[in-house]
Amino acid sequence: MKITIDPDLCTGCEDCTEACPSLFKLGSNWIAEPLHDSVPTDLEGEAKKTASLCQFEAILISE
């Protein structure tokens, strides 16, 4: 599973970094960034949950 952030949709609100700091960080350009190239298996549920919480739909999950 891979996480991608759409920089055109991300507003830097930090909801994802607060909800799951083990998967997301805020980059220097105020756009969220995934911390892993591939989501660790034990965090896949958290990744999906956090993506569903993004009010701007900027977090994309691919299998």
Protein backbone atom coordinates (compact mmCIF):
# COMPACT_ATOMS: atom_id res chain seq x y z
CA MET A 1 0.00 0.00 0.00
CA LYS A 2 1.25 3.46 -0.92
CA ILE A 3 0.21 6.95 0.22
CA THR A 4 0.31 9.90 -2.15
CA ILE A 5 -0.55 13.48 -1.26
CA ASP A 6 -2.12 15.68 -3.93
CA PRO A 7 -0.28 18.99 -3.42
CA ASP A 8 -3.00 20.89 -5.25
CA LEU A 9 -5.59 19.75 -2.68
CA CYS A 10 -3.53 19.74 0.52
CA THR A 11 -3.93 22.93 2.56
CA GLY A 12 -1.43 22.09 5.29
CA CYS A 13 -4.15 21.94 7.94
CA GLU A 14 -2.17 19.23 9.77
CA ASP A 15 -5.20 17.03 10.45
CA CYS A 16 -3.34 14.00 9.06
CA THR A 17 -0.15 14.69 10.99
CA GLU A 18 -2.13 15.00 14.21
CA ALA A 19 -4.27 11.93 13.50
CA CYS A 20 -1.36 9.70 12.50
CA PRO A 21 2.11 11.17 13.14
CA SER A 22 3.67 7.77 12.42
CA LEU A 23 2.61 8.10 8.76
CA PHE A 24 2.57 11.82 7.95
CA LYS A 25 4.68 14.92 8.43
CA LEU A 26 4.25 18.50 7.28
CA GLY A 27 6.84 19.44 4.69
CA SER A 28 8.70 22.70 4.47
CA ASN A 29 6.23 23.89 1.82
CA TRP A 30 3.27 23.31 4.20
CA ILE A 31 2.15 20.25 2.24
CA ALA A 32 1.73 16.93 4.03
CA GLU A 33 4.22 14.21 3.15
CA PRO A 34 4.12 10.47 3.81
CA LEU A 35 6.90 9.19 6.05
CA HIS A 36 7.18 5.82 4.27
CA ASP A 37 7.47 4.73 0.63
CA SER A 38 5.21 1.81 1.50
CA VAL A 39 2.81 1.75 4.43
CA PRO A 40 3.87 -0.77 7.07
CA THR A 41 1.32 -3.58 7.23
CA ASP A 42 0.40 -2.81 10.83
CA LEU A 43 -0.48 0.80 9.89
CA GLU A 44 -2.65 0.11 6.83
CA GLY A 45 -5.87 0.58 8.80
CA GLU A 46 -4.62 3.88 10.18
CA ALA A 47 -3.64 5.04 6.69
CA LYS A 48 -7.12 4.33 5.32
CA LYS A 49 -8.80 5.95 8.32
CA THR A 50 -6.65 9.07 8.09
CA ALA A 51 -7.27 9.35 4.33
CA SER A 52 -11.02 9.21 4.97
CA LEU A 53 -10.69 12.01 7.54
CA CYS A 54 -9.04 14.41 5.09
CA GLN A 55 -11.70 16.99 4.39
CA PHE A 56 -9.91 18.07 1.21
CA GLU A 57 -9.49 14.50 -0.14
CA ALA A 58 -5.79 15.17 -0.64
CA ILE A 59 -4.63 11.77 0.64
CA LEU A 60 -4.66 9.05 -1.99
CA ILE A 61 -4.22 5.39 -1.10
CA SER A 62 -3.17 2.82 -3.69
CA GLU A 63 -2.76 -0.91 -3.20
